[in-house]
C-alpha cells in the first residue's frame, strides 16, 4: 500500500506539473523564434532516445552527490518526482505542439479586436482548443510515470515505505520468488491506468463537444 500510494502521488504531481510547463514550452516552440530553438527542440525528445536506465544515470548525475547544479536530492521522494518530470515532459510537449500549429490565429485576432486582453484570449479561445491535446499528453505522462522503473531505480534508493515505488516493488517481488504478490500490484496499476484513460477520454469528448458548440 505504501508503494502504491507513493506511485500514484508522484505520478499525479509529475503529470500536473508537466501539464503546465509542457504547455508553456510547446507554446514557446510554436509561437516564438529564438537562437537555439532547434537545440531545445532536440533536447525535448532526449528521454525518448535514451534507454530508461541511461535516463536514470542522467538524472543521478544532475541530482546526485556530484550534481553540477548543486542539487543533492538523491534517495528522496523529490528525486523520484524530478526523474518522472524528466521522462514524461515530452509527452505533453509533443501532443500540444501540433494542436497549437493548427490553431487558427484569426480567432485570436478577432477576440483581440473586440477588446479582449491576452489572458481572456488564452482562456476563452486558445485553451478550449488545445485542452484535448493537453489531456492526451497528461494521460500518457501519467501512464508512463506510474510504470516507470529505469529512471527511478538508481536515484530513489528503493527504501521500503519511503522511496520504493510500485514498479520497483513488482520487480523485487518477482525476483524474490513471489510472482503472485507482484501480479497483484501489477493488476492494481493496470486498473488505475485504465480508469484514468476512461475518465480523461470522457473529459476530452466533453471538451470537444463544448468547443464545437
N, C-alpha and C. Protein backbone atom coordinates (compact mmCIF):
# COMPACT_ATOMS: atom_id res chain seq x y z
N UNK A 1 0.83 -1.20 0.00
CA UNK A 1 0.00 0.00 0.00
C UNK A 1 0.87 1.26 0.00
N UNK A 2 1.97 1.23 0.73
CA UNK A 2 2.86 2.38 0.76
C UNK A 2 3.44 2.65 -0.63
N UNK A 3 3.83 1.58 -1.32
CA UNK A 3 4.39 1.75 -2.66
C UNK A 3 3.34 2.28 -3.63
N UNK A 4 2.11 1.77 -3.53
CA UNK A 4 1.03 2.25 -4.41
C UNK A 4 0.71 3.72 -4.16
N UNK A 5 0.60 4.10 -2.89
CA UNK A 5 0.30 5.49 -2.56
C UNK A 5 1.39 6.42 -3.09
N UNK A 6 2.64 6.03 -2.89
CA UNK A 6 3.75 6.85 -3.37
C UNK A 6 3.73 6.96 -4.89
N UNK A 7 3.49 5.84 -5.55
CA UNK A 7 3.48 5.82 -7.01
C UNK A 7 2.41 6.75 -7.57
N UNK A 8 1.20 6.65 -7.05
CA UNK A 8 0.10 7.49 -7.53
C UNK A 8 0.37 8.95 -7.24
N UNK A 9 0.89 9.24 -6.06
CA UNK A 9 1.16 10.63 -5.68
C UNK A 9 2.18 11.28 -6.60
N UNK A 10 3.32 10.61 -6.79
CA UNK A 10 4.37 11.21 -7.61
C UNK A 10 3.97 11.26 -9.08
N UNK A 11 3.18 10.28 -9.54
CA UNK A 11 2.73 10.28 -10.93
C UNK A 11 1.77 11.45 -11.19
N UNK A 12 0.87 11.69 -10.24
CA UNK A 12 -0.07 12.81 -10.38
C UNK A 12 0.68 14.14 -10.36
N UNK A 13 1.64 14.28 -9.43
CA UNK A 13 2.41 15.52 -9.36
C UNK A 13 3.17 15.77 -10.65
N UNK A 14 3.84 14.73 -11.16
CA UNK A 14 4.61 14.88 -12.40
C UNK A 14 3.71 15.23 -13.57
N UNK A 15 2.55 14.58 -13.68
CA UNK A 15 1.64 14.84 -14.79
C UNK A 15 1.09 16.26 -14.74
N UNK A 16 0.71 16.73 -13.55
CA UNK A 16 0.14 18.07 -13.42
C UNK A 16 1.19 19.16 -13.67
N UNK A 17 2.38 18.97 -13.12
CA UNK A 17 3.45 19.95 -13.35
C UNK A 17 3.79 20.04 -14.82
N UNK A 18 3.90 18.89 -15.47
CA UNK A 18 4.23 18.90 -16.90
C UNK A 18 3.07 19.39 -17.75
N UNK A 19 1.84 19.29 -17.25
CA UNK A 19 0.71 19.86 -17.99
C UNK A 19 0.90 21.36 -18.14
N UNK A 20 1.42 22.00 -17.09
CA UNK A 20 1.65 23.45 -17.12
C UNK A 20 2.90 23.78 -17.92
N UNK A 21 4.03 23.22 -17.50
CA UNK A 21 5.29 23.59 -18.13
C UNK A 21 5.42 23.02 -19.54
N UNK A 22 4.84 21.85 -19.78
CA UNK A 22 4.85 21.30 -21.13
C UNK A 22 4.07 22.16 -22.11
N UNK A 23 2.94 22.69 -21.64
CA UNK A 23 2.14 23.59 -22.49
C UNK A 23 2.89 24.89 -22.76
N UNK A 24 3.55 25.42 -21.73
CA UNK A 24 4.32 26.66 -21.91
C UNK A 24 5.46 26.44 -22.90
N UNK A 25 6.17 25.33 -22.75
CA UNK A 25 7.29 25.04 -23.66
C UNK A 25 6.78 24.85 -25.09
N UNK A 26 5.66 24.13 -25.24
CA UNK A 26 5.09 23.93 -26.57
C UNK A 26 4.70 25.27 -27.19
N UNK A 27 4.12 26.16 -26.38
CA UNK A 27 3.73 27.49 -26.86
C UNK A 27 4.95 28.27 -27.35
N UNK A 28 6.02 28.26 -26.55
CA UNK A 28 7.24 28.99 -26.92
C UNK A 28 7.84 28.43 -28.20
N UNK A 29 7.87 27.11 -28.34
CA UNK A 29 8.46 26.49 -29.51
C UNK A 29 7.66 26.76 -30.77
N UNK A 30 6.34 26.91 -30.64
CA UNK A 30 5.49 27.15 -31.80
C UNK A 30 5.38 28.63 -32.15
N UNK A 31 5.22 29.46 -31.13
CA UNK A 31 4.91 30.87 -31.37
C UNK A 31 6.12 31.81 -31.38
N UNK A 32 7.23 31.41 -30.81
CA UNK A 32 8.38 32.31 -30.68
C UNK A 32 9.56 31.81 -31.51
N UNK A 33 10.39 32.76 -31.92
CA UNK A 33 11.63 32.46 -32.61
C UNK A 33 12.79 32.95 -31.76
N UNK A 34 13.77 32.10 -31.52
CA UNK A 34 14.92 32.50 -30.72
C UNK A 34 16.11 31.63 -31.10
N UNK A 35 17.28 32.13 -30.77
CA UNK A 35 18.51 31.40 -31.07
C UNK A 35 18.58 30.13 -30.22
N UNK A 36 18.89 29.02 -30.85
CA UNK A 36 18.98 27.75 -30.15
C UNK A 36 17.67 26.99 -30.08
N UNK A 37 16.68 27.44 -30.84
CA UNK A 37 15.37 26.79 -30.81
C UNK A 37 15.46 25.33 -31.25
N UNK A 38 16.27 25.05 -32.28
CA UNK A 38 16.40 23.68 -32.77
C UNK A 38 17.05 22.78 -31.72
N UNK A 39 17.97 23.35 -30.93
CA UNK A 39 18.62 22.58 -29.88
C UNK A 39 17.61 22.21 -28.79
N UNK A 40 16.79 23.20 -28.40
CA UNK A 40 15.76 22.94 -27.39
C UNK A 40 14.79 21.88 -27.89
N UNK A 41 14.41 21.99 -29.17
CA UNK A 41 13.50 21.00 -29.76
C UNK A 41 14.08 19.60 -29.68
N UNK A 42 15.38 19.50 -29.94
CA UNK A 42 16.03 18.18 -29.90
C UNK A 42 16.13 17.66 -28.47
N UNK A 43 16.41 18.55 -27.51
CA UNK A 43 16.54 18.13 -26.12
C UNK A 43 15.22 17.62 -25.54
N UNK A 44 14.10 18.16 -26.05
CA UNK A 44 12.79 17.72 -25.57
C UNK A 44 12.62 16.22 -25.80
N UNK A 45 13.16 15.72 -26.91
CA UNK A 45 13.00 14.31 -27.26
C UNK A 45 14.06 13.42 -26.64
N UNK A 46 14.96 13.99 -25.85
CA UNK A 46 16.05 13.20 -25.27
C UNK A 46 15.56 12.01 -24.45
N UNK A 47 14.53 12.17 -23.60
CA UNK A 47 14.05 11.00 -22.85
C UNK A 47 13.51 9.88 -23.73
N UNK A 48 13.01 10.22 -24.93
CA UNK A 48 12.56 9.19 -25.86
C UNK A 48 13.73 8.39 -26.41
N UNK A 49 14.85 9.06 -26.63
CA UNK A 49 16.00 8.42 -27.27
C UNK A 49 16.83 7.59 -26.29
N UNK A 50 16.84 8.01 -25.02
CA UNK A 50 17.66 7.32 -24.04
C UNK A 50 16.99 6.06 -23.52
N UNK A 51 17.72 4.95 -23.38
CA UNK A 51 17.19 3.81 -22.62
C UNK A 51 16.86 4.25 -21.21
N UNK A 52 15.85 3.65 -20.60
CA UNK A 52 15.39 4.14 -19.30
C UNK A 52 16.48 4.11 -18.23
N UNK A 53 17.34 3.09 -18.25
CA UNK A 53 18.39 3.02 -17.24
C UNK A 53 19.42 4.13 -17.44
N UNK A 54 19.64 4.50 -18.72
CA UNK A 54 20.55 5.62 -19.01
C UNK A 54 19.93 6.93 -18.55
N UNK A 55 18.62 7.04 -18.74
CA UNK A 55 17.91 8.23 -18.23
C UNK A 55 18.07 8.33 -16.72
N UNK A 56 18.04 7.19 -16.04
CA UNK A 56 18.26 7.17 -14.60
C UNK A 56 19.65 7.66 -14.24
N UNK A 57 20.65 7.25 -15.02
CA UNK A 57 22.02 7.70 -14.77
C UNK A 57 22.15 9.21 -15.00
N UNK A 58 21.45 9.72 -16.03
CA UNK A 58 21.47 11.16 -16.30
C UNK A 58 20.87 11.93 -15.13
N UNK A 59 19.72 11.46 -14.66
CA UNK A 59 19.07 12.13 -13.52
C UNK A 59 19.96 12.07 -12.29
N UNK A 60 20.61 10.92 -12.06
CA UNK A 60 21.50 10.77 -10.91
C UNK A 60 22.69 11.71 -11.02
N UNK A 61 23.19 11.89 -12.25
CA UNK A 61 24.32 12.80 -12.45
C UNK A 61 23.95 14.24 -12.15
N UNK A 62 22.71 14.62 -12.47
CA UNK A 62 22.26 16.00 -12.25
C UNK A 62 21.86 16.27 -10.80
N UNK A 63 21.31 15.26 -10.14
CA UNK A 63 20.75 15.50 -8.81
C UNK A 63 21.37 14.64 -7.72
N UNK A 64 22.46 13.95 -8.03
CA UNK A 64 23.13 13.12 -7.04
C UNK A 64 24.16 13.88 -6.23
N UNK A 65 25.06 13.15 -5.58
CA UNK A 65 26.04 13.77 -4.69
C UNK A 65 27.03 14.65 -5.44
N UNK A 66 27.27 14.37 -6.72
CA UNK A 66 28.21 15.17 -7.52
C UNK A 66 27.48 16.08 -8.50
N UNK A 67 26.31 16.54 -8.13
CA UNK A 67 25.48 17.35 -9.00
C UNK A 67 26.17 18.65 -9.43
N UNK A 68 26.26 18.91 -10.74
CA UNK A 68 26.83 20.19 -11.19
C UNK A 68 25.91 21.36 -10.89
N UNK A 69 24.65 21.08 -10.59
CA UNK A 69 23.68 22.12 -10.27
C UNK A 69 23.65 22.45 -8.78
N UNK A 70 24.38 21.66 -7.99
CA UNK A 70 24.38 21.88 -6.55
C UNK A 70 23.11 21.39 -5.89
N UNK A 71 22.38 20.51 -6.57
CA UNK A 71 21.12 19.98 -6.02
C UNK A 71 21.34 18.51 -5.66
N UNK A 72 21.39 18.21 -4.38
CA UNK A 72 21.60 16.83 -3.94
C UNK A 72 20.32 16.32 -3.28
N UNK A 73 19.51 15.62 -4.07
CA UNK A 73 18.25 15.09 -3.54
C UNK A 73 18.14 13.59 -3.78
N UNK A 74 19.26 12.95 -4.07
CA UNK A 74 19.23 11.51 -4.35
C UNK A 74 18.66 10.75 -3.16
N UNK A 75 17.91 9.69 -3.47
CA UNK A 75 17.32 8.79 -2.48
C UNK A 75 16.21 9.47 -1.66
N UNK A 76 15.53 10.41 -2.29
CA UNK A 76 14.39 11.07 -1.66
C UNK A 76 13.20 11.02 -2.61
N UNK A 77 12.02 11.36 -2.09
CA UNK A 77 10.83 11.41 -2.94
C UNK A 77 10.91 12.54 -3.95
N UNK A 78 11.61 13.60 -3.58
CA UNK A 78 11.82 14.70 -4.53
C UNK A 78 12.58 14.21 -5.75
N UNK A 79 13.55 13.35 -5.54
CA UNK A 79 14.32 12.79 -6.65
C UNK A 79 13.42 11.99 -7.59
N UNK A 80 12.47 11.26 -7.03
CA UNK A 80 11.55 10.48 -7.86
C UNK A 80 10.72 11.41 -8.74
N UNK A 81 10.21 12.49 -8.15
CA UNK A 81 9.41 13.45 -8.93
C UNK A 81 10.24 14.07 -10.04
N UNK A 82 11.48 14.46 -9.74
CA UNK A 82 12.35 15.06 -10.75
C UNK A 82 12.64 14.08 -11.89
N UNK A 83 12.85 12.82 -11.54
CA UNK A 83 13.09 11.81 -12.57
C UNK A 83 11.87 11.64 -13.46
N UNK A 84 10.69 11.62 -12.86
CA UNK A 84 9.47 11.46 -13.64
C UNK A 84 9.18 12.69 -14.49
N UNK A 85 9.49 13.88 -13.98
CA UNK A 85 9.33 15.09 -14.78
C UNK A 85 10.20 15.02 -16.03
N UNK A 86 11.41 14.49 -15.87
CA UNK A 86 12.34 14.39 -17.00
C UNK A 86 11.83 13.45 -18.07
N UNK A 87 11.33 12.29 -17.67
CA UNK A 87 10.96 11.28 -18.66
C UNK A 87 9.56 11.48 -19.24
N UNK A 88 8.72 12.30 -18.59
CA UNK A 88 7.34 12.46 -19.07
C UNK A 88 7.08 13.80 -19.76
N UNK A 89 7.98 14.75 -19.63
CA UNK A 89 7.77 16.07 -20.26
C UNK A 89 7.49 15.99 -21.76
N UNK A 90 8.23 15.18 -22.53
CA UNK A 90 7.98 15.16 -23.98
C UNK A 90 6.56 14.76 -24.37
N UNK A 91 5.89 13.96 -23.56
CA UNK A 91 4.54 13.52 -23.91
C UNK A 91 3.59 14.70 -24.01
N UNK A 92 3.71 15.65 -23.09
CA UNK A 92 2.84 16.82 -23.12
C UNK A 92 3.25 17.77 -24.24
N UNK A 93 4.54 18.05 -24.34
CA UNK A 93 5.02 18.99 -25.35
C UNK A 93 4.65 18.53 -26.76
N UNK A 94 4.89 17.26 -27.04
CA UNK A 94 4.68 16.76 -28.40
C UNK A 94 3.21 16.54 -28.75
N UNK A 95 2.32 16.50 -27.79
CA UNK A 95 0.90 16.40 -28.11
C UNK A 95 0.26 17.78 -28.23
N UNK A 96 0.81 18.77 -27.52
CA UNK A 96 0.24 20.12 -27.59
C UNK A 96 0.78 20.87 -28.81
N UNK A 97 2.01 20.62 -29.21
CA UNK A 97 2.62 21.33 -30.32
C UNK A 97 1.78 21.30 -31.61
N UNK A 98 1.40 20.11 -32.11
CA UNK A 98 0.64 20.10 -33.37
C UNK A 98 -0.72 20.79 -33.26
N UNK A 99 -1.32 20.75 -32.08
CA UNK A 99 -2.61 21.43 -31.89
C UNK A 99 -2.42 22.93 -32.00
N UNK A 100 -1.34 23.44 -31.42
CA UNK A 100 -1.05 24.87 -31.50
C UNK A 100 -0.73 25.30 -32.93
N UNK A 101 -0.02 24.43 -33.65
CA UNK A 101 0.33 24.75 -35.04
C UNK A 101 -0.93 24.88 -35.90
N UNK A 102 -1.90 24.00 -35.65
CA UNK A 102 -3.13 24.01 -36.45
C UNK A 102 -4.16 25.03 -35.97
N UNK A 103 -3.91 25.65 -34.82
CA UNK A 103 -4.88 26.59 -34.26
C UNK A 103 -5.00 27.83 -35.15
N UNK A 104 -6.23 28.19 -35.48
CA UNK A 104 -6.49 29.33 -36.35
C UNK A 104 -6.25 30.63 -35.59
N UNK A 105 -5.23 31.37 -36.00
CA UNK A 105 -4.90 32.62 -35.30
C UNK A 105 -5.94 33.71 -35.55
N UNK A 106 -6.76 33.55 -36.59
CA UNK A 106 -7.78 34.56 -36.86
C UNK A 106 -8.77 34.68 -35.70
N UNK A 107 -9.03 33.57 -35.01
CA UNK A 107 -9.93 33.62 -33.85
C UNK A 107 -9.34 34.47 -32.74
N UNK A 108 -8.03 34.32 -32.55
CA UNK A 108 -7.36 35.13 -31.53
C UNK A 108 -7.38 36.60 -31.89
N UNK A 109 -7.09 36.90 -33.16
CA UNK A 109 -7.09 38.29 -33.60
C UNK A 109 -8.49 38.89 -33.49
N UNK A 110 -9.50 38.08 -33.80
CA UNK A 110 -10.87 38.55 -33.69
C UNK A 110 -11.23 38.89 -32.26
N UNK A 111 -10.79 38.05 -31.32
CA UNK A 111 -11.07 38.33 -29.92
C UNK A 111 -10.36 39.59 -29.45
N UNK A 112 -9.13 39.78 -29.90
CA UNK A 112 -8.40 40.99 -29.52
C UNK A 112 -9.06 42.25 -30.09
N UNK A 113 -9.53 42.13 -31.34
CA UNK A 113 -10.17 43.29 -31.96
C UNK A 113 -11.47 43.68 -31.25
N UNK A 114 -12.05 42.72 -30.52
CA UNK A 114 -13.28 43.01 -29.77
C UNK A 114 -12.98 43.49 -28.35
N UNK A 115 -11.69 43.67 -28.05
CA UNK A 115 -11.32 44.25 -26.77
C UNK A 115 -10.85 43.27 -25.72
N UNK A 116 -10.71 42.00 -26.06
CA UNK A 116 -10.27 41.01 -25.08
C UNK A 116 -8.78 41.16 -24.80
N UNK A 117 -8.39 41.04 -23.52
CA UNK A 117 -6.96 41.09 -23.20
C UNK A 117 -6.33 39.73 -23.46
N UNK A 118 -5.00 39.63 -23.30
CA UNK A 118 -4.29 38.40 -23.65
C UNK A 118 -4.73 37.22 -22.81
N UNK A 119 -4.97 37.46 -21.51
CA UNK A 119 -5.40 36.36 -20.65
C UNK A 119 -6.77 35.84 -21.07
N UNK A 120 -7.67 36.76 -21.42
CA UNK A 120 -9.01 36.35 -21.85
C UNK A 120 -8.95 35.59 -23.17
N UNK A 121 -8.08 36.04 -24.07
CA UNK A 121 -7.91 35.35 -25.34
C UNK A 121 -7.44 33.92 -25.11
N UNK A 122 -6.47 33.77 -24.20
CA UNK A 122 -5.96 32.42 -23.92
C UNK A 122 -7.04 31.56 -23.26
N UNK A 123 -7.75 32.14 -22.28
CA UNK A 123 -8.73 31.36 -21.52
C UNK A 123 -9.96 31.01 -22.34
N UNK A 124 -10.42 31.91 -23.20
CA UNK A 124 -11.67 31.70 -23.91
C UNK A 124 -11.49 31.16 -25.33
N UNK A 125 -10.31 31.37 -25.91
CA UNK A 125 -10.10 30.95 -27.30
C UNK A 125 -9.07 29.83 -27.41
N UNK A 126 -7.87 30.07 -26.85
CA UNK A 126 -6.78 29.12 -27.04
C UNK A 126 -6.98 27.86 -26.21
N UNK A 127 -7.22 28.03 -24.90
CA UNK A 127 -7.29 26.87 -24.01
C UNK A 127 -8.35 25.85 -24.41
N UNK A 128 -9.59 26.26 -24.75
CA UNK A 128 -10.57 25.25 -25.16
C UNK A 128 -10.14 24.44 -26.38
N UNK A 129 -9.34 25.05 -27.27
CA UNK A 129 -8.90 24.35 -28.46
C UNK A 129 -7.75 23.39 -28.21
N UNK A 130 -6.87 23.76 -27.26
CA UNK A 130 -5.72 22.89 -27.01
C UNK A 130 -5.94 21.95 -25.84
N UNK A 131 -7.07 22.09 -25.14
CA UNK A 131 -7.33 21.24 -23.97
C UNK A 131 -7.31 19.74 -24.29
N UNK A 132 -7.93 19.29 -25.39
CA UNK A 132 -7.84 17.85 -25.70
C UNK A 132 -6.41 17.37 -25.86
N UNK A 133 -5.56 18.20 -26.48
CA UNK A 133 -4.15 17.83 -26.62
C UNK A 133 -3.44 17.77 -25.29
N UNK A 134 -3.74 18.73 -24.41
CA UNK A 134 -3.14 18.72 -23.08
C UNK A 134 -3.55 17.47 -22.31
N UNK A 135 -4.84 17.15 -22.38
CA UNK A 135 -5.33 15.96 -21.67
C UNK A 135 -4.71 14.68 -22.20
N UNK A 136 -4.52 14.61 -23.51
CA UNK A 136 -3.86 13.43 -24.09
C UNK A 136 -2.44 13.31 -23.58
N UNK A 137 -1.72 14.44 -23.57
CA UNK A 137 -0.35 14.42 -23.09
C UNK A 137 -0.25 14.06 -21.62
N UNK A 138 -1.17 14.62 -20.81
CA UNK A 138 -1.17 14.34 -19.38
C UNK A 138 -1.47 12.86 -19.13
N UNK A 139 -2.40 12.31 -19.89
CA UNK A 139 -2.73 10.89 -19.73
C UNK A 139 -1.53 10.00 -20.02
N UNK A 140 -0.86 10.28 -21.14
CA UNK A 140 0.32 9.49 -21.49
C UNK A 140 1.45 9.68 -20.48
N UNK A 141 1.60 10.91 -19.99
CA UNK A 141 2.62 11.18 -18.98
C UNK A 141 2.33 10.41 -17.70
N UNK A 142 1.06 10.41 -17.28
CA UNK A 142 0.69 9.68 -16.06
C UNK A 142 0.92 8.19 -16.24
N UNK A 143 0.52 7.65 -17.40
CA UNK A 143 0.70 6.22 -17.65
C UNK A 143 2.17 5.85 -17.64
N UNK A 144 3.02 6.70 -18.23
CA UNK A 144 4.47 6.43 -18.21
C UNK A 144 5.02 6.52 -16.80
N UNK A 145 4.57 7.54 -16.05
CA UNK A 145 5.08 7.75 -14.70
C UNK A 145 4.71 6.61 -13.77
N UNK A 146 3.50 6.10 -13.91
CA UNK A 146 3.02 5.08 -12.97
C UNK A 146 3.73 3.74 -13.16
N UNK A 147 4.33 3.54 -14.34
CA UNK A 147 5.02 2.28 -14.59
C UNK A 147 6.52 2.42 -14.79
N UNK A 148 7.05 3.63 -14.60
CA UNK A 148 8.47 3.87 -14.83
C UNK A 148 9.33 3.15 -13.79
N UNK A 149 10.42 2.58 -14.25
CA UNK A 149 11.34 1.90 -13.33
C UNK A 149 12.79 2.29 -13.60
N UNK A 150 13.19 2.35 -14.87
CA UNK A 150 14.60 2.58 -15.20
C UNK A 150 15.14 3.90 -14.68
N UNK A 151 14.36 4.96 -14.84
CA UNK A 151 14.82 6.28 -14.42
C UNK A 151 14.74 6.47 -12.91
N UNK A 152 14.05 5.57 -12.22
CA UNK A 152 13.82 5.73 -10.78
C UNK A 152 14.70 4.83 -9.93
N UNK A 153 14.98 3.63 -10.44
CA UNK A 153 15.59 2.59 -9.60
C UNK A 153 16.95 3.02 -9.04
N UNK A 154 17.69 3.86 -9.77
CA UNK A 154 19.00 4.25 -9.29
C UNK A 154 18.96 5.42 -8.31
N UNK A 155 18.09 6.38 -8.56
CA UNK A 155 18.11 7.61 -7.78
C UNK A 155 17.19 7.56 -6.56
N UNK A 156 16.27 6.61 -6.53
CA UNK A 156 15.31 6.58 -5.42
C UNK A 156 15.87 5.91 -4.18
N UNK A 157 16.80 4.99 -4.36
CA UNK A 157 17.33 4.24 -3.23
C UNK A 157 16.46 3.05 -2.84
N UNK A 158 15.21 3.02 -3.34
CA UNK A 158 14.29 1.88 -3.12
C UNK A 158 14.13 1.53 -1.65
N UNK A 159 13.91 2.55 -0.83
CA UNK A 159 13.73 2.33 0.61
C UNK A 159 12.28 1.99 0.89
N UNK A 160 11.98 0.81 1.43
CA UNK A 160 10.58 0.43 1.72
C UNK A 160 9.88 1.46 2.59
N UNK A 161 8.64 1.77 2.25
CA UNK A 161 7.79 2.73 2.96
C UNK A 161 8.25 4.18 2.79
N UNK A 162 9.34 4.40 2.06
CA UNK A 162 9.83 5.77 1.90
C UNK A 162 9.98 6.14 0.42
N UNK A 163 10.81 5.40 -0.32
CA UNK A 163 11.07 5.76 -1.71
C UNK A 163 10.88 4.57 -2.67
N UNK A 164 10.23 3.52 -2.20
CA UNK A 164 10.02 2.35 -3.06
C UNK A 164 8.69 2.51 -3.80
N UNK A 165 8.77 2.64 -5.13
CA UNK A 165 7.56 2.78 -5.95
C UNK A 165 7.08 1.40 -6.38
N UNK A 166 5.89 1.37 -6.94
CA UNK A 166 5.25 0.08 -7.25
C UNK A 166 6.02 -0.73 -8.30
N UNK A 167 6.56 -0.04 -9.31
CA UNK A 167 7.28 -0.77 -10.35
C UNK A 167 8.49 -1.50 -9.78
N UNK A 168 9.21 -0.85 -8.89
CA UNK A 168 10.37 -1.49 -8.25
C UNK A 168 9.89 -2.60 -7.31
N UNK A 169 8.80 -2.34 -6.60
CA UNK A 169 8.23 -3.35 -5.70
C UNK A 169 7.87 -4.61 -6.49
N UNK A 170 7.24 -4.42 -7.65
CA UNK A 170 6.87 -5.56 -8.50
C UNK A 170 8.10 -6.33 -8.94
N UNK A 171 9.13 -5.60 -9.38
CA UNK A 171 10.36 -6.23 -9.84
C UNK A 171 11.01 -7.05 -8.71
N UNK A 172 11.10 -6.45 -7.54
CA UNK A 172 11.76 -7.14 -6.42
C UNK A 172 10.94 -8.34 -5.94
N UNK A 173 9.61 -8.21 -5.94
CA UNK A 173 8.76 -9.34 -5.56
C UNK A 173 8.93 -10.50 -6.53
N UNK A 174 8.98 -10.18 -7.80
CA UNK A 174 9.13 -11.22 -8.82
C UNK A 174 10.50 -11.89 -8.70
N UNK A 175 11.53 -11.07 -8.50
CA UNK A 175 12.87 -11.62 -8.35
C UNK A 175 13.01 -12.43 -7.06
N UNK A 176 12.21 -12.06 -6.05
CA UNK A 176 12.29 -12.75 -4.77
C UNK A 176 11.44 -14.00 -4.69
N UNK A 177 10.85 -14.43 -5.80
CA UNK A 177 10.07 -15.66 -5.82
C UNK A 177 8.63 -15.50 -5.38
N UNK A 178 8.10 -14.28 -5.53
CA UNK A 178 6.70 -14.04 -5.16
C UNK A 178 5.95 -13.45 -6.35
N UNK A 179 5.78 -14.24 -7.43
CA UNK A 179 5.09 -13.72 -8.62
C UNK A 179 3.63 -13.36 -8.35
N UNK A 180 3.00 -14.04 -7.39
CA UNK A 180 1.60 -13.72 -7.07
C UNK A 180 1.50 -12.31 -6.48
N UNK A 181 2.41 -11.97 -5.56
CA UNK A 181 2.42 -10.63 -4.98
C UNK A 181 2.71 -9.57 -6.02
N UNK A 182 3.65 -9.88 -6.92
CA UNK A 182 3.98 -8.94 -7.99
C UNK A 182 2.79 -8.74 -8.92
N UNK A 183 2.12 -9.82 -9.26
CA UNK A 183 0.96 -9.74 -10.15
C UNK A 183 -0.19 -8.95 -9.53
N UNK A 184 -0.38 -9.10 -8.23
CA UNK A 184 -1.46 -8.39 -7.55
C UNK A 184 -1.28 -6.88 -7.68
N UNK A 185 -0.05 -6.41 -7.43
CA UNK A 185 0.22 -4.97 -7.54
C UNK A 185 0.13 -4.53 -9.01
N UNK A 186 0.59 -5.39 -9.92
CA UNK A 186 0.53 -5.05 -11.34
C UNK A 186 -0.91 -4.88 -11.81
N UNK A 187 -1.80 -5.73 -11.32
CA UNK A 187 -3.22 -5.62 -11.68
C UNK A 187 -3.81 -4.31 -11.16
N UNK A 188 -3.42 -3.92 -9.96
CA UNK A 188 -3.91 -2.65 -9.40
C UNK A 188 -3.44 -1.47 -10.27
N UNK A 189 -2.17 -1.48 -10.66
CA UNK A 189 -1.66 -0.42 -11.52
C UNK A 189 -2.39 -0.39 -12.86
N UNK A 190 -2.63 -1.57 -13.41
CA UNK A 190 -3.35 -1.65 -14.68
C UNK A 190 -4.75 -1.08 -14.54
N UNK A 191 -5.42 -1.41 -13.46
CA UNK A 191 -6.78 -0.91 -13.22
C UNK A 191 -6.80 0.61 -13.08
N UNK A 192 -5.82 1.14 -12.37
CA UNK A 192 -5.73 2.59 -12.20
C UNK A 192 -5.52 3.29 -13.54
N UNK A 193 -4.59 2.76 -14.33
CA UNK A 193 -4.31 3.36 -15.64
C UNK A 193 -5.54 3.29 -16.54
N UNK A 194 -6.24 2.17 -16.51
CA UNK A 194 -7.44 2.02 -17.34
C UNK A 194 -8.52 3.00 -16.91
N UNK A 195 -8.70 3.16 -15.60
CA UNK A 195 -9.71 4.10 -15.09
C UNK A 195 -9.38 5.53 -15.49
N UNK A 196 -8.09 5.89 -15.41
CA UNK A 196 -7.68 7.24 -15.80
C UNK A 196 -7.91 7.46 -17.29
N UNK A 197 -7.60 6.46 -18.11
CA UNK A 197 -7.83 6.58 -19.55
C UNK A 197 -9.30 6.80 -19.86
N UNK A 198 -10.17 6.07 -19.19
CA UNK A 198 -11.61 6.24 -19.40
C UNK A 198 -12.07 7.63 -18.97
N UNK A 199 -11.60 8.07 -17.81
CA UNK A 199 -12.01 9.37 -17.28
C UNK A 199 -11.55 10.50 -18.18
N UNK A 200 -10.28 10.46 -18.59
CA UNK A 200 -9.75 11.52 -19.44
C UNK A 200 -10.40 11.48 -20.82
N UNK A 201 -10.69 10.27 -21.32
CA UNK A 201 -11.39 10.17 -22.60
C UNK A 201 -12.75 10.84 -22.55
N UNK A 202 -13.46 10.66 -21.43
CA UNK A 202 -14.75 11.32 -21.26
C UNK A 202 -14.63 12.82 -21.22
N UNK A 203 -13.61 13.31 -20.50
CA UNK A 203 -13.38 14.76 -20.42
C UNK A 203 -13.03 15.32 -21.80
N UNK A 204 -12.21 14.59 -22.55
CA UNK A 204 -11.84 15.05 -23.89
C UNK A 204 -13.05 15.15 -24.79
N UNK A 205 -13.93 14.15 -24.73
CA UNK A 205 -15.13 14.20 -25.57
C UNK A 205 -16.01 15.38 -25.19
N UNK A 206 -16.12 15.64 -23.89
CA UNK A 206 -16.93 16.78 -23.43
C UNK A 206 -16.31 18.09 -23.91
N UNK A 207 -14.96 18.18 -23.79
CA UNK A 207 -14.27 19.41 -24.21
C UNK A 207 -14.42 19.62 -25.71
N UNK A 208 -14.36 18.55 -26.50
CA UNK A 208 -14.52 18.67 -27.94
C UNK A 208 -15.92 19.12 -28.31
N UNK A 209 -16.94 18.55 -27.64
CA UNK A 209 -18.32 18.98 -27.91
C UNK A 209 -18.54 20.42 -27.50
N UNK A 210 -17.92 20.81 -26.38
CA UNK A 210 -18.06 22.20 -25.90
C UNK A 210 -17.42 23.17 -26.90
N UNK A 211 -16.25 22.76 -27.45
CA UNK A 211 -15.55 23.61 -28.42
C UNK A 211 -16.39 23.77 -29.68
N UNK A 212 -16.99 22.67 -30.15
CA UNK A 212 -17.79 22.74 -31.37
C UNK A 212 -19.08 23.51 -31.15
N UNK A 213 -19.61 23.41 -29.91
CA UNK A 213 -20.84 24.11 -29.60
C UNK A 213 -20.64 25.60 -29.48
